[in-house]
Amino acid sequence: MTQPKLLLPGPIDIWEETLQALGQQVMSPFGEDFKPIYEETISLLKHIFQTENDIIIMTAPGSGALDAGLSSLFQPRDKVVVVQNGPFADRLIEILNSFNCDIIPVKNAWGEPGDPIKMHRVLEQNLGVAGLVVVANDTGTGVRNCLQSYSSLAREYNLPFFVDGVSALGGYDIPIDDLEIDVAVTSSNKALETTPGLGILSVSQRAWEIIKSKDQNHRGWYYNLSVWKEAAEGQIECPYPTTQASSLIVSLNVSLKRIVYQETLEDHWARYAWAQSVVRSGLSSLGFKPIVSDEYASYTVTTIQVPRDITKASDLRNYLLKNHGFLVADGIGKFTQDSLRIGHMGKAGSGEYIVPFLLGVEDYLRKVKNHKISPGSSLDCLHKSAKWY
């Protein structure tokens, strides 16, 4: 079977030089050859995240890094306020519940950004809150939350600020230091454009002080950030507590250099914004309805409701896979039946994928649903683009 082209919220299809790096012979994470690659990778991550904070790379999915960050920053019975407006906010709540934290959810409708005014009211009414937690970009709904507003509230109430940036960091402008984000988490297989397997955290000095002051009994060992801090300070040659996934870090290094030196970070963001615009405009012209308004729409994934005459969105998904070789994602939760999620990270954020994908959707509407659509009508928006990617 031919490998499908991935237009998913992750994992993604990666660029050839990054793929080639994965095929190199395994490098010892404790050897001299690996050390400069690791140090360069940390430096590149700091540049992309716009931070001077400590960076931790662990062998884990994004959820593993979230587990480590949340369990280290908070302890049982801590009151934690969480912006709840999508499935990945629900996952944060599930993780916090597993550590017996006292969750105060600030609920908002799926598909809409969190309302900072609601958060302000909750903070006014609750004393002794231990921190504020938000998902920057929820790939379940395709919505971006306003980090600037929540950063301001965290500062106003002197709270540590935790951000799930798994599908956000690297994909658009999130200046960690300017926003005073204490712990930010991402993974390798989203906007950093390499394979799954690496969880990455940015940890501020204030966060380290809080982590040191908290009970550690619930953290375990590997996902205890104190263990990673101790290794970084005590083991100069290999500043991590256990064997690193060296091949994945080598591929991440190649991908980050491509973003920073070949593409440039600003053009990387611009390519994702371009992809978002083309996908949303193209599908809208065919009768699809974006779930999220333009102002708060994700730059890394588009969630879209199918036209009414498509009984099940999965029918279109299956047609695109079978007839055009593109794999998109089903909707989640209440959006499962009538919605699809189209990722535009990695190769999916380029005309090489987006143009034939849109033409494939046209093909389905003409052949299966008998829509009268002129070939290429979904690409009219491209003529307005100053630059193609």
Protein backbone atom coordinates (compact mmCIF):
# COMPACT_ATOMS: atom_id res chain seq x y z
CA MET A 1 0.00 0.00 0.00
CA THR A 2 1.29 3.44 -0.91
CA GLN A 3 2.16 5.61 2.08
CA PRO A 4 -0.58 8.26 2.42
CA LYS A 5 0.31 11.92 2.58
CA LEU A 6 -0.44 13.20 6.08
CA LEU A 7 -2.58 16.29 6.59
CA LEU A 8 -3.09 15.50 10.26
CA PRO A 9 -2.83 17.56 13.46
CA GLY A 10 0.21 15.33 14.01
CA PRO A 11 2.18 13.32 13.21
CA ILE A 12 3.29 15.01 10.02
CA ASP A 13 5.20 14.33 6.82
CA ILE A 14 8.72 15.67 7.34
CA TRP A 15 11.21 17.18 4.92
CA GLU A 16 13.77 15.02 3.13
CA GLU A 17 16.88 16.23 4.97
CA THR A 18 15.21 15.53 8.32
CA LEU A 19 14.15 12.09 7.12
CA GLN A 20 17.70 11.34 5.97
CA ALA A 21 19.05 12.29 9.40
CA LEU A 22 16.87 9.57 10.95
CA GLY A 23 18.64 7.01 8.76
CA GLN A 24 22.09 7.71 10.12
CA GLN A 25 23.87 5.23 12.36
CA VAL A 26 22.88 5.61 16.03
CA MET A 27 25.06 8.04 17.97
CA SER A 28 25.91 7.51 21.62
CA PRO A 29 24.21 10.20 23.77
CA PHE A 30 27.21 9.99 26.10
CA GLY A 31 29.88 10.57 23.45
CA GLU A 32 31.82 13.63 22.40
CA ASP A 33 30.27 13.63 18.92
CA PHE A 34 26.77 14.05 20.31
CA LYS A 35 27.50 16.81 22.81
CA PRO A 36 27.80 19.71 20.31
CA ILE A 37 24.67 18.53 18.47
CA TYR A 38 22.72 18.48 21.72
CA GLU A 39 23.99 21.89 22.79
CA GLU A 40 23.19 23.37 19.38
CA THR A 41 19.70 21.86 19.52
CA ILE A 42 19.07 23.50 22.91
CA SER A 43 20.28 26.83 21.52
CA LEU A 44 18.03 26.57 18.47
CA LEU A 45 15.03 25.73 20.64
CA LYS A 46 15.70 28.79 22.80
CA HIS A 47 15.77 30.92 19.66
CA ILE A 48 12.50 29.51 18.33
CA PHE A 49 10.80 29.78 21.72
CA GLN A 50 12.26 33.26 22.32
CA THR A 51 13.50 32.38 25.78
CA GLU A 52 16.53 32.21 28.03
CA ASN A 53 14.82 29.61 30.21
CA ASP A 54 16.19 26.13 30.73
CA ILE A 55 15.19 23.65 28.02
CA ILE A 56 14.57 19.98 28.74
CA ILE A 57 14.33 17.37 25.97
CA MET A 58 12.96 14.03 27.15
CA THR A 59 12.07 10.85 25.32
CA ALA A 60 8.30 11.13 25.57
CA PRO A 61 5.24 12.22 23.62
CA GLY A 62 3.89 15.69 24.26
CA SER A 63 1.53 14.22 26.84
CA GLY A 64 4.49 12.78 28.73
CA ALA A 65 6.12 16.22 28.90
CA LEU A 66 2.80 17.69 30.06
CA ASP A 67 2.66 15.02 32.77
CA ALA A 68 6.18 15.98 33.89
CA GLY A 69 5.52 19.71 33.86
CA LEU A 70 2.19 19.59 35.68
CA SER A 71 3.26 17.08 38.33
CA SER A 72 6.43 19.05 39.02
CA LEU A 73 4.86 22.51 39.22
CA PHE A 74 1.84 21.40 41.27
CA GLN A 75 1.26 19.02 44.17
CA PRO A 76 -1.80 17.24 45.57
CA ARG A 77 -4.54 19.57 46.85
CA ASP A 78 -3.16 22.59 44.96
CA LYS A 79 -5.91 24.75 43.47
CA VAL A 80 -5.27 25.03 39.73
CA VAL A 81 -7.40 27.12 37.37
CA VAL A 82 -7.66 25.71 33.85
CA VAL A 83 -9.10 27.27 30.70
CA GLN A 84 -11.49 24.54 29.57
CA ASN A 85 -12.63 24.89 25.96
CA GLY A 86 -11.52 21.76 24.13
CA PRO A 87 -10.45 18.13 24.38
CA PHE A 88 -6.82 18.88 25.14
CA ALA A 89 -7.78 21.15 28.03
CA ASP A 90 -9.78 18.16 29.25
CA ARG A 91 -6.59 16.10 29.02
CA LEU A 92 -4.73 18.60 31.21
CA ILE A 93 -7.54 18.34 33.74
CA GLU A 94 -7.32 14.55 33.60
CA ILE A 95 -3.57 14.69 34.28
CA LEU A 96 -4.02 17.12 37.17
CA ASN A 97 -6.79 14.97 38.63
CA SER A 98 -4.44 11.99 38.58
CA PHE A 99 -2.20 13.93 40.98
CA ASN A 100 -5.18 14.85 43.20
CA CYS A 101 -5.06 18.55 42.44
CA ASP A 102 -8.13 20.69 43.11
CA ILE A 103 -9.22 21.72 39.61
CA ILE A 104 -11.14 24.95 39.01
CA PRO A 105 -12.25 24.75 35.36
CA VAL A 106 -13.17 27.98 33.60
CA LYS A 107 -15.55 26.66 30.98
CA ASN A 108 -16.03 28.02 27.49
CA ALA A 109 -17.76 26.55 24.44
CA TRP A 110 -15.77 24.27 22.17
CA GLY A 111 -14.67 26.17 19.09
CA GLU A 112 -14.48 29.47 20.94
CA PRO A 113 -11.44 31.00 22.64
CA GLY A 114 -11.28 31.12 26.40
CA ASP A 115 -12.80 34.26 27.88
CA PRO A 116 -10.24 36.11 30.06
CA ILE A 117 -13.07 38.02 31.75
CA LYS A 118 -14.47 34.71 33.06
CA MET A 119 -11.01 33.81 34.29
CA HIS A 120 -10.67 37.16 36.03
CA ARG A 121 -13.94 36.58 37.89
CA VAL A 122 -12.86 33.11 38.97
CA LEU A 123 -9.54 34.40 40.26
CA GLU A 124 -11.30 37.14 42.21
CA GLN A 125 -13.52 34.55 43.88
CA ASN A 126 -10.86 31.98 44.74
CA LEU A 127 -8.04 32.51 47.20
CA GLY A 128 -4.89 30.44 47.35
CA VAL A 129 -4.75 29.47 43.68
CA ALA A 130 -1.48 27.71 42.83
CA GLY A 131 -1.34 28.38 39.10
CA LEU A 132 -3.04 29.17 35.80
CA VAL A 133 -3.06 26.57 33.01
CA VAL A 134 -4.06 27.04 29.35
CA VAL A 135 -3.77 25.23 26.03
CA ALA A 136 -2.32 27.66 23.51
CA ASN A 137 -3.77 25.93 20.46
CA ASP A 138 -6.29 23.10 20.71
CA THR A 139 -6.11 20.80 17.70
CA GLY A 140 -9.42 19.21 18.69
CA THR A 141 -11.31 22.41 17.91
CA GLY A 142 -8.76 24.44 15.92
CA VAL A 143 -8.89 27.42 18.27
CA ARG A 144 -6.11 29.63 19.64
CA ASN A 145 -6.41 31.04 23.14
CA CYS A 146 -5.15 34.56 23.85
CA LEU A 147 -1.93 33.93 25.76
CA GLN A 148 -1.28 37.64 26.21
CA SER A 149 -4.51 38.09 28.18
CA TYR A 150 -3.85 35.08 30.40
CA SER A 151 -0.26 36.14 30.91
CA SER A 152 -1.50 39.50 32.18
CA LEU A 153 -3.88 37.78 34.60
CA ALA A 154 -1.12 35.48 35.85
CA ARG A 155 1.06 38.51 36.53
CA GLU A 156 -1.79 40.42 38.19
CA TYR A 157 -2.44 37.55 40.62
CA ASN A 158 1.23 36.51 40.90
CA LEU A 159 0.53 32.99 39.63
CA PRO A 160 2.83 30.58 37.81
CA PHE A 161 1.72 30.36 34.19
CA PHE A 162 1.66 26.92 32.52
CA VAL A 163 1.09 26.64 28.76
CA ASP A 164 0.39 23.52 26.73
CA GLY A 165 2.07 24.57 23.49
CA VAL A 166 2.24 21.08 21.98
CA SER A 167 0.67 22.11 18.66
CA ALA A 168 1.62 25.78 18.93
CA LEU A 169 5.28 26.41 19.78
CA GLY A 170 7.20 27.00 16.59
CA GLY A 171 4.03 27.41 14.55
CA TYR A 172 3.43 31.08 15.31
CA ASP A 173 4.83 33.89 17.42
CA ILE A 174 4.83 32.86 21.10
CA PRO A 175 7.55 34.83 22.93
CA ILE A 176 7.92 32.78 26.10
CA ASP A 177 9.99 35.31 28.04
CA ASP A 178 7.88 38.33 27.08
CA LEU A 179 4.74 36.43 28.12
CA GLU A 180 6.46 35.28 31.33
CA ILE A 181 5.43 31.66 30.75
CA ASP A 182 6.86 29.62 33.59
CA VAL A 183 6.47 26.20 32.02
CA ALA A 184 5.79 25.70 28.31
CA VAL A 185 5.53 22.27 26.71
CA THR A 186 5.70 21.04 23.13
CA SER A 187 6.61 17.93 21.17
CA SER A 188 8.80 17.13 18.19
CA ASN A 189 6.11 15.99 15.77
CA LYS A 190 4.14 19.20 15.31
CA ALA A 191 5.44 22.62 14.27
CA LEU A 192 9.08 21.60 14.89
CA GLU A 193 8.58 19.25 11.95
CA THR A 194 10.15 15.94 12.84
CA THR A 195 9.08 12.51 14.03
CA PRO A 196 7.14 11.73 17.25
CA GLY A 197 9.09 10.81 20.35
CA LEU A 198 10.47 13.95 22.00
CA GLY A 199 8.73 16.00 24.68
CA ILE A 200 10.26 19.44 25.18
CA LEU A 201 9.83 21.83 28.10
CA SER A 202 10.88 25.41 28.80
CA VAL A 203 11.21 26.02 32.54
CA SER A 204 11.70 29.47 34.10
CA GLN A 205 13.78 30.26 37.17
CA ARG A 206 10.60 31.02 39.13
CA ALA A 207 9.23 27.64 38.11
CA TRP A 208 12.36 25.91 39.39
CA GLU A 209 11.96 27.65 42.75
CA ILE A 210 8.34 26.52 42.97
CA ILE A 211 9.22 22.98 41.89
CA LYS A 212 11.90 22.79 44.58
CA SER A 213 9.42 23.93 47.25
CA LYS A 214 6.74 21.35 46.39
CA ASP A 215 6.20 17.80 47.58
CA GLN A 216 7.89 15.32 45.22
CA ASN A 217 6.35 12.05 46.39
CA HIS A 218 3.72 11.95 43.64
CA ARG A 219 6.10 12.64 40.75
CA GLY A 220 7.81 9.34 40.22
CA TRP A 221 11.38 9.53 38.89
CA TYR A 222 11.65 10.00 35.13
CA TYR A 223 8.89 12.61 34.95
CA ASN A 224 10.20 14.52 37.95
CA LEU A 225 11.80 17.70 36.59
CA SER A 226 13.94 17.97 39.72
CA VAL A 227 15.77 14.84 38.54
CA TRP A 228 16.49 16.52 35.20
CA LYS A 229 17.63 19.72 36.89
CA GLU A 230 20.01 17.81 39.14
CA ALA A 231 21.50 15.99 36.13
CA ALA A 232 21.91 19.22 34.15
CA GLU A 233 23.77 20.87 37.01
CA GLY A 234 25.90 17.87 37.98
CA GLN A 235 26.73 16.16 34.70
CA ILE A 236 28.31 18.63 32.30
CA GLU A 237 29.24 16.03 29.69
CA CYS A 238 25.75 14.47 29.53
CA PRO A 239 23.25 16.79 31.24
CA TYR A 240 20.34 14.34 31.40
CA PRO A 241 19.53 11.56 33.84
CA THR A 242 19.16 8.64 31.41
CA THR A 243 19.80 7.56 27.82
CA GLN A 244 18.53 10.15 25.36
CA ALA A 245 16.88 9.27 22.03
CA SER A 246 19.96 10.47 20.17
CA SER A 247 18.68 9.70 16.66
CA LEU A 248 15.51 11.68 17.27
CA ILE A 249 17.52 14.61 18.62
CA VAL A 250 19.84 14.51 15.59
CA SER A 251 16.79 14.70 13.31
CA LEU A 252 15.31 17.49 15.43
CA ASN A 253 18.60 19.36 15.11
CA VAL A 254 18.46 19.12 11.31
CA SER A 255 14.83 20.26 11.26
CA LEU A 256 15.48 23.24 13.54
CA LYS A 257 18.44 24.35 11.42
CA ARG A 258 16.22 24.18 8.37
CA ILE A 259 13.63 26.37 10.09
CA VAL A 260 16.08 28.92 11.49
CA TYR A 261 18.79 29.14 8.84
CA GLN A 262 17.17 28.02 5.59
CA GLU A 263 13.54 29.04 5.93
CA THR A 264 13.93 31.64 8.74
CA LEU A 265 11.62 31.57 11.73
CA GLU A 266 9.52 34.48 10.47
CA ASP A 267 8.95 32.80 7.10
CA HIS A 268 8.15 29.54 8.87
CA TRP A 269 5.35 31.34 10.71
CA ALA A 270 4.32 33.03 7.47
CA ARG A 271 4.10 29.69 5.64
CA TYR A 272 1.78 28.29 8.30
CA ALA A 273 -0.37 31.43 8.18
CA TRP A 274 -0.47 31.15 4.38
CA ALA A 275 -1.50 27.50 4.60
CA GLN A 276 -4.23 28.32 7.10
CA SER A 277 -5.60 31.04 4.85
CA VAL A 278 -5.56 28.92 1.69
CA VAL A 279 -7.21 25.90 3.34
CA ARG A 280 -9.90 27.96 5.05
CA SER A 281 -10.64 30.08 1.98
CA GLY A 282 -10.57 27.16 -0.42
CA LEU A 283 -12.89 24.97 1.63
CA SER A 284 -15.22 27.87 2.43
CA SER A 285 -15.62 28.51 -1.30
CA LEU A 286 -16.82 24.90 -1.65
CA GLY A 287 -19.53 25.24 1.01
CA PHE A 288 -17.62 24.12 4.09
CA LYS A 289 -18.00 26.12 7.30
CA PRO A 290 -15.00 26.85 9.54
CA ILE A 291 -15.72 26.00 13.17
CA VAL A 292 -13.55 28.83 14.51
CA SER A 293 -13.70 32.50 13.53
CA ASP A 294 -10.77 33.95 11.58
CA GLU A 295 -9.51 35.95 14.55
CA TYR A 296 -8.90 32.89 16.73
CA ALA A 297 -8.28 30.20 14.12
CA SER A 298 -5.32 27.88 14.59
CA TYR A 299 -2.32 28.30 12.33
CA THR A 300 -1.46 24.61 12.54
CA VAL A 301 -4.81 22.85 12.01
CA THR A 302 -8.12 23.82 10.42
CA THR A 303 -11.38 22.39 11.76
CA ILE A 304 -14.23 22.56 9.30
CA GLN A 305 -17.85 21.42 9.09
CA VAL A 306 -18.80 19.63 5.90
CA PRO A 307 -21.77 20.73 3.73
CA ARG A 308 -25.18 19.43 4.82
CA ASP A 309 -25.49 16.91 2.00
CA ILE A 310 -22.45 15.03 3.29
CA THR A 311 -24.11 12.77 5.86
CA LYS A 312 -20.84 11.63 7.43
CA ALA A 313 -17.62 13.59 7.28
CA SER A 314 -15.76 10.28 7.36
CA ASP A 315 -17.12 9.51 3.87
CA LEU A 316 -15.11 12.42 2.48
CA ARG A 317 -12.12 11.44 4.60
CA ASN A 318 -12.19 7.89 3.23
CA TYR A 319 -12.61 9.11 -0.36
CA LEU A 320 -9.61 11.42 -0.09
CA LEU A 321 -7.49 8.58 1.28
CA LYS A 322 -8.59 5.99 -1.28
CA ASN A 323 -8.65 8.16 -4.40
CA HIS A 324 -6.08 10.90 -3.71
CA GLY A 325 -3.79 9.47 -1.06
CA PHE A 326 -4.40 12.20 1.55
CA LEU A 327 -5.08 11.35 5.19
CA VAL A 328 -6.97 13.96 7.22
CA ALA A 329 -8.38 13.57 10.73
CA ASP A 330 -11.92 13.04 11.94
CA GLY A 331 -13.50 15.58 14.24
CA ILE A 332 -13.52 15.04 18.01
CA GLY A 333 -16.41 14.98 20.47
CA LYS A 334 -19.52 16.76 19.28
CA PHE A 335 -17.73 17.57 16.00
CA THR A 336 -17.07 13.89 15.13
CA GLN A 337 -19.98 13.33 12.77
CA ASP A 338 -19.89 16.42 10.59
CA SER A 339 -16.37 17.80 10.78
CA LEU A 340 -12.81 17.15 9.68
CA ARG A 341 -9.46 18.39 10.93
CA ILE A 342 -6.82 19.32 8.37
CA GLY A 343 -3.29 19.80 9.63
CA HIS A 344 -0.90 22.14 7.84
CA MET A 345 2.42 21.49 9.54
CA GLY A 346 5.51 20.10 7.88
CA LYS A 347 4.98 19.29 4.22
CA ALA A 348 1.24 19.75 4.70
CA GLY A 349 1.95 23.47 5.06
CA SER A 350 3.03 23.75 1.43
CA GLY A 351 1.43 24.07 -1.97
CA GLU A 352 2.76 20.60 -2.81
CA TYR A 353 0.11 19.15 -0.48
CA ILE A 354 -2.55 21.83 -0.18
CA VAL A 355 -3.29 22.34 -3.88
CA PRO A 356 -3.94 18.66 -4.74
CA PHE A 357 -5.82 18.23 -1.46
CA LEU A 358 -8.27 21.00 -2.38
CA LEU A 359 -8.61 19.60 -5.90
CA GLY A 360 -9.37 16.22 -4.31
CA VAL A 361 -12.18 17.74 -2.28
CA GLU A 362 -13.56 19.29 -5.47
CA ASP A 363 -13.38 15.88 -7.13
CA TYR A 364 -15.43 14.29 -4.34
CA LEU A 365 -18.10 16.98 -4.47
CA ARG A 366 -18.45 16.69 -8.25
CA LYS A 367 -18.36 12.90 -8.60
CA VAL A 368 -20.09 11.79 -5.40
CA LYS A 369 -22.37 14.72 -4.52
CA ASN A 370 -22.99 16.07 -8.04
CA HIS A 371 -22.02 19.63 -7.14
CA LYS A 372 -21.55 21.94 -10.09
CA ILE A 373 -18.04 23.09 -9.38
CA SER A 374 -15.60 24.51 -11.90
CA PRO A 375 -12.24 22.72 -11.68
CA GLY A 376 -9.82 24.78 -9.64
CA SER A 377 -12.47 27.04 -8.12
CA SER A 378 -11.14 26.31 -4.61
CA LEU A 379 -7.78 27.76 -5.63
CA ASP A 380 -9.03 31.24 -6.51
CA CYS A 381 -7.64 32.52 -3.22
CA LEU A 382 -4.13 31.61 -4.36
CA HIS A 383 -4.21 34.33 -6.99
CA LYS A 384 -4.39 36.86 -4.18
CA SER A 385 -1.30 35.50 -2.45
CA ALA A 386 1.80 37.61 -2.73
CA LYS A 387 3.87 34.47 -2.21
CA TRP A 388 3.34 30.74 -2.67
CA TYR A 389 4.92 28.20 -0.35
